[in-house]
């Protein structure tokens, strides 16, 4: 439950809030469960703030400082998060369906089990982020930075990941059916048990990729060099049966 004194201070405006934070930078910022619907939080110093379960419907976050904040379970519907720095923020289980995340910095953020269906994360930095179990079906991550990201058992069916940088990413058990990975960099990624049926992989970089048990049925793998995949190195070849590759 939110600290009422802090909540009252925030309602006085961002200037009053930031002045207090500058004077007492180590005071815990507890705004959990608060109703901040439509609040103007532009430029607010909310680094490390506890905003779990808060109602942030329609709130404005332009140039807000949210490094390490906890927004798990918060209501962010109707929020424009484009260009905001969310490095290290906890978004676990948050419904971000249709939210504009273009140009946002989500480096190291925890977005496990978040709903990103139809969200716009174009140009977003998600390197090192935890997106395990996330729903990104039909979404667009064209050219996104997803280096060493965790996408374990994520639903990315039908998503646009063309030219995305996924080197070293863990996509084990993920659903990548009908996904567009043309020109994507998947070097060193873990694709163990991934569904890649009918995926478009033309020109993708799959060097040193683990494709153990991956389903490639109907996938377009033109211009793909699988000679260095981990599964092939184990046996010297890439055995495929009914479109499924086995290690």
Protein backbone atom coordinates (compact mmCIF):
# COMPACT_ATOMS: atom_id res chain seq x y z
CA UNK A 1 0.00 0.00 0.00
CA UNK A 2 1.26 3.45 -0.95
CA UNK A 3 2.82 5.78 1.59
CA UNK A 4 0.13 8.47 1.88
CA UNK A 5 2.60 11.25 2.66
CA UNK A 6 4.60 10.49 -0.49
CA UNK A 7 1.45 10.16 -2.55
CA UNK A 8 0.21 13.57 -1.37
CA UNK A 9 3.61 15.05 -2.23
CA UNK A 10 3.52 13.62 -5.76
CA UNK A 11 0.05 15.04 -6.28
CA UNK A 12 1.49 18.52 -5.58
CA UNK A 13 3.39 18.18 -8.85
CA UNK A 14 6.68 16.88 -10.21
CA UNK A 15 8.68 19.93 -9.05
CA UNK A 16 7.70 19.44 -5.41
CA UNK A 17 8.34 15.70 -5.69
CA UNK A 18 11.77 16.10 -7.26
CA UNK A 19 12.78 18.74 -4.69
CA UNK A 20 11.98 16.28 -1.92
CA UNK A 21 13.91 13.50 -3.66
CA UNK A 22 16.96 15.72 -4.06
CA UNK A 23 16.88 16.60 -0.37
CA UNK A 24 16.26 13.02 0.79
CA UNK A 25 17.54 10.78 -2.01
CA UNK A 26 17.62 7.61 0.10
CA UNK A 27 14.00 7.71 1.26
CA UNK A 28 12.06 4.70 -0.01
CA UNK A 29 9.53 5.65 -2.71
CA UNK A 30 6.46 3.51 -1.99
CA UNK A 31 3.59 4.22 -4.40
CA UNK A 32 2.37 0.65 -4.65
CA UNK A 33 -1.32 0.30 -5.48
CA UNK A 34 -1.71 4.08 -5.91
CA UNK A 35 -4.24 5.56 -8.30
CA UNK A 36 -2.16 7.71 -10.62
CA UNK A 37 -4.48 7.51 -13.59
CA UNK A 38 -3.77 10.34 -16.03
CA UNK A 39 -0.97 11.73 -13.85
CA UNK A 40 1.70 13.88 -15.48
CA UNK A 41 4.96 12.28 -14.36
CA UNK A 42 7.15 13.96 -16.98
CA UNK A 43 10.68 14.33 -15.61
CA UNK A 44 9.77 12.74 -12.27
CA UNK A 45 12.60 11.11 -10.30
CA UNK A 46 11.14 7.65 -9.74
CA UNK A 47 14.29 5.53 -9.80
CA UNK A 48 13.78 2.50 -7.57
CA UNK A 49 10.16 3.47 -6.90
CA UNK A 50 7.71 0.82 -5.77
CA UNK A 51 4.79 1.12 -8.24
CA UNK A 52 3.58 -2.46 -8.19
CA UNK A 53 -0.17 -2.74 -8.70
CA UNK A 54 -0.49 1.01 -9.31
CA UNK A 55 -3.12 2.38 -11.69
CA UNK A 56 -1.09 4.29 -14.27
CA UNK A 57 -3.76 4.33 -16.97
CA UNK A 58 -3.07 7.26 -19.30
CA UNK A 59 -0.13 8.56 -17.22
CA UNK A 60 2.61 10.57 -18.94
CA UNK A 61 6.23 9.45 -18.43
CA UNK A 62 8.17 11.71 -20.80
CA UNK A 63 11.79 12.02 -19.56
CA UNK A 64 10.91 10.37 -16.24
CA UNK A 65 13.70 8.59 -14.32
CA UNK A 66 12.57 5.02 -13.58
CA UNK A 67 15.80 3.04 -13.31
CA UNK A 68 15.20 -0.05 -11.17
CA UNK A 69 11.53 0.79 -10.47
CA UNK A 70 9.03 -1.99 -9.76
CA UNK A 71 5.93 -1.84 -11.99
CA UNK A 72 4.91 -5.48 -11.66
CA UNK A 73 1.16 -5.88 -11.98
CA UNK A 74 0.64 -2.16 -12.72
CA UNK A 75 -2.07 -0.93 -15.09
CA UNK A 76 -0.31 0.80 -18.00
CA UNK A 77 -3.13 0.78 -20.53
CA UNK A 78 -3.25 3.83 -22.77
CA UNK A 79 0.28 4.88 -21.76
CA UNK A 80 2.85 6.18 -24.23
CA UNK A 81 6.23 4.81 -23.14
CA UNK A 82 8.18 5.80 -26.25
CA UNK A 83 11.71 7.00 -25.60
CA UNK A 84 11.55 6.39 -21.82
CA UNK A 85 14.52 4.88 -19.95
CA UNK A 86 13.27 1.75 -18.20
CA UNK A 87 16.66 0.13 -17.57
CA UNK A 88 16.36 -2.52 -14.89
CA UNK A 89 12.62 -1.93 -14.37
CA UNK A 90 10.41 -4.80 -13.20
CA UNK A 91 7.51 -5.22 -15.66
CA UNK A 92 6.76 -8.84 -14.79
CA UNK A 93 3.17 -9.81 -15.56
CA UNK A 94 2.26 -6.32 -16.81
CA UNK A 95 -0.33 -5.92 -19.57
CA UNK A 96 1.38 -3.81 -22.24
CA UNK A 97 -0.95 -4.78 -25.05
CA UNK A 98 -0.91 -2.12 -27.77
CA UNK A 99 1.44 0.15 -25.79
CA UNK A 100 3.91 2.36 -27.69
CA UNK A 101 7.42 1.38 -26.56
CA UNK A 102 9.25 2.71 -29.61
CA UNK A 103 12.75 3.94 -28.80
CA UNK A 104 12.48 2.98 -25.12
CA UNK A 105 15.53 1.70 -23.23
CA UNK A 106 14.62 -1.59 -21.52
CA UNK A 107 18.17 -2.82 -21.00
CA UNK A 108 18.12 -5.48 -18.28
CA UNK A 109 14.40 -5.03 -17.58
CA UNK A 110 12.34 -7.93 -16.21
CA UNK A 111 9.35 -8.36 -18.53
CA UNK A 112 8.70 -12.02 -17.81
CA UNK A 113 5.11 -13.09 -18.59
CA UNK A 114 4.20 -9.57 -19.73
CA UNK A 115 1.61 -9.19 -22.48
CA UNK A 116 3.17 -7.30 -25.38
CA UNK A 117 0.67 -8.42 -27.99
CA UNK A 118 0.33 -5.72 -30.68
CA UNK A 119 2.69 -3.45 -28.74
CA UNK A 120 5.02 -1.19 -30.72
CA UNK A 121 8.59 -1.78 -29.48
CA UNK A 122 10.28 -0.65 -32.69
CA UNK A 123 13.84 0.56 -32.13
CA UNK A 124 13.71 -0.51 -28.48
CA UNK A 125 16.82 -1.64 -26.58
CA UNK A 126 16.03 -4.93 -24.84
CA UNK A 127 19.57 -6.26 -24.48
CA UNK A 128 19.93 -8.44 -21.39
CA UNK A 129 16.20 -8.18 -20.62
CA UNK A 130 14.16 -11.08 -19.24
CA UNK A 131 11.22 -11.73 -21.59
CA UNK A 132 10.59 -15.32 -20.55
CA UNK A 133 6.99 -16.37 -21.17
CA UNK A 134 6.14 -13.01 -22.74
CA UNK A 135 3.35 -12.75 -25.32
CA UNK A 136 4.62 -10.87 -28.37
CA UNK A 137 2.53 -12.65 -30.98
CA UNK A 138 2.03 -10.49 -34.05
CA UNK A 139 4.26 -7.77 -32.61
CA UNK A 140 7.04 -5.87 -34.36
CA UNK A 141 10.65 -5.93 -33.15
CA UNK A 142 12.13 -5.00 -36.49
CA UNK A 143 15.81 -4.17 -35.98
CA UNK A 144 15.49 -4.34 -32.18
CA UNK A 145 18.51 -4.91 -29.95
CA UNK A 146 17.85 -8.24 -28.17
CA UNK A 147 21.42 -9.29 -27.43
CA UNK A 148 21.57 -11.95 -24.68
CA UNK A 149 17.87 -11.50 -23.99
CA UNK A 150 15.91 -14.29 -22.28
CA UNK A 151 12.88 -15.34 -24.35
CA UNK A 152 12.40 -18.77 -22.81
CA UNK A 153 8.98 -20.23 -23.77
CA UNK A 154 7.93 -16.84 -25.17
CA UNK A 155 5.11 -16.60 -27.71
CA UNK A 156 6.47 -14.78 -30.77
CA UNK A 157 4.26 -16.40 -33.38
CA UNK A 158 3.77 -14.20 -36.42
CA UNK A 159 6.04 -11.47 -35.03
CA UNK A 160 8.37 -9.33 -37.15
CA UNK A 161 11.96 -9.84 -35.96
CA UNK A 162 13.62 -8.98 -39.25
CA UNK A 163 17.15 -7.61 -38.80
CA UNK A 164 16.83 -8.00 -35.02
CA UNK A 165 20.04 -8.58 -33.06
CA UNK A 166 19.53 -11.77 -31.07
CA UNK A 167 23.11 -12.95 -30.65
CA UNK A 168 23.54 -15.02 -27.50
CA UNK A 169 19.78 -14.93 -26.78
CA UNK A 170 18.04 -17.83 -25.01
CA UNK A 171 14.88 -18.74 -26.95
CA UNK A 172 14.60 -22.31 -25.74
CA UNK A 173 11.06 -23.65 -26.01
CA UNK A 174 9.78 -20.45 -27.64
CA UNK A 175 7.03 -20.35 -30.27
CA UNK A 176 8.47 -18.73 -33.40
CA UNK A 177 5.95 -20.13 -35.83
CA UNK A 178 5.49 -17.91 -38.92
CA UNK A 179 7.94 -15.36 -37.48
CA UNK A 180 9.93 -13.11 -39.80
CA UNK A 181 13.63 -13.47 -38.96
CA UNK A 182 15.01 -12.36 -42.31
CA UNK A 183 18.45 -10.82 -41.91
CA UNK A 184 18.36 -11.33 -38.12
CA UNK A 185 21.55 -12.08 -36.19
CA UNK A 186 21.00 -15.24 -34.10
CA UNK A 187 24.66 -16.16 -33.74
CA UNK A 188 25.30 -18.17 -30.58
CA UNK A 189 21.59 -18.23 -29.67
CA UNK A 190 19.92 -21.14 -27.88
CA UNK A 191 17.03 -22.41 -30.05
CA UNK A 192 16.65 -25.73 -28.25
CA UNK A 193 13.14 -27.10 -28.85
CA UNK A 194 11.98 -23.94 -30.65
CA UNK A 195 8.99 -23.99 -32.99
CA UNK A 196 10.19 -22.41 -36.25
CA UNK A 197 7.52 -23.91 -38.48
CA UNK A 198 6.81 -21.73 -41.52
CA UNK A 199 9.30 -19.15 -40.21
CA UNK A 200 11.02 -16.83 -42.70
CA UNK A 201 14.76 -17.10 -42.08
CA UNK A 202 16.12 -15.88 -45.41
CA UNK A 203 19.60 -14.43 -44.89
CA UNK A 204 19.58 -14.86 -41.10
CA UNK A 205 22.84 -15.54 -39.23
CA UNK A 206 22.56 -18.88 -37.41
CA UNK A 207 26.26 -19.38 -36.71
CA UNK A 208 26.99 -21.48 -33.59
CA UNK A 209 23.25 -21.81 -32.87
CA UNK A 210 21.84 -24.66 -30.78
CA UNK A 211 18.99 -26.09 -32.89
CA UNK A 212 18.47 -29.30 -30.89
CA UNK A 213 14.90 -30.54 -31.47
CA UNK A 214 13.88 -27.37 -33.34
CA UNK A 215 10.86 -27.64 -35.64
CA UNK A 216 11.77 -26.21 -39.05
CA UNK A 217 8.86 -27.65 -41.00
CA UNK A 218 7.90 -25.32 -43.83
CA UNK A 219 10.56 -22.78 -42.83
CA UNK A 220 12.35 -20.71 -45.47
CA UNK A 221 16.05 -21.35 -44.79
CA UNK A 222 17.47 -20.08 -48.07
CA UNK A 223 20.90 -18.46 -47.78
CA UNK A 224 21.32 -20.07 -44.33
CA UNK A 225 24.62 -21.72 -43.37
CA UNK A 226 23.91 -24.35 -40.70
CA UNK A 227 27.40 -25.83 -40.83
CA UNK A 228 28.42 -24.41 -37.45
CA UNK A 229 25.26 -25.10 -35.44
CA UNK A 230 25.86 -26.94 -32.18
CA UNK A 231 23.55 -29.76 -33.14
CA UNK A 232 25.57 -30.35 -36.31
CA UNK A 233 28.91 -30.22 -34.53
CA UNK A 234 27.76 -33.05 -32.28
CA UNK A 235 27.10 -35.42 -35.18
CA UNK A 236 28.75 -33.72 -38.09
CA UNK A 237 25.43 -33.17 -39.84
CA UNK A 238 21.92 -31.75 -39.23
CA UNK A 239 19.45 -34.65 -39.17
CA UNK A 240 15.94 -33.55 -40.13
CA UNK A 241 12.77 -35.62 -40.01
CA UNK A 242 9.46 -34.11 -41.10
CA UNK A 243 10.99 -30.68 -40.76
CA UNK A 244 12.23 -31.32 -37.22
CA UNK A 245 15.95 -31.10 -36.49
CA UNK A 246 17.40 -33.42 -33.88
CA UNK A 247 20.71 -33.22 -32.03
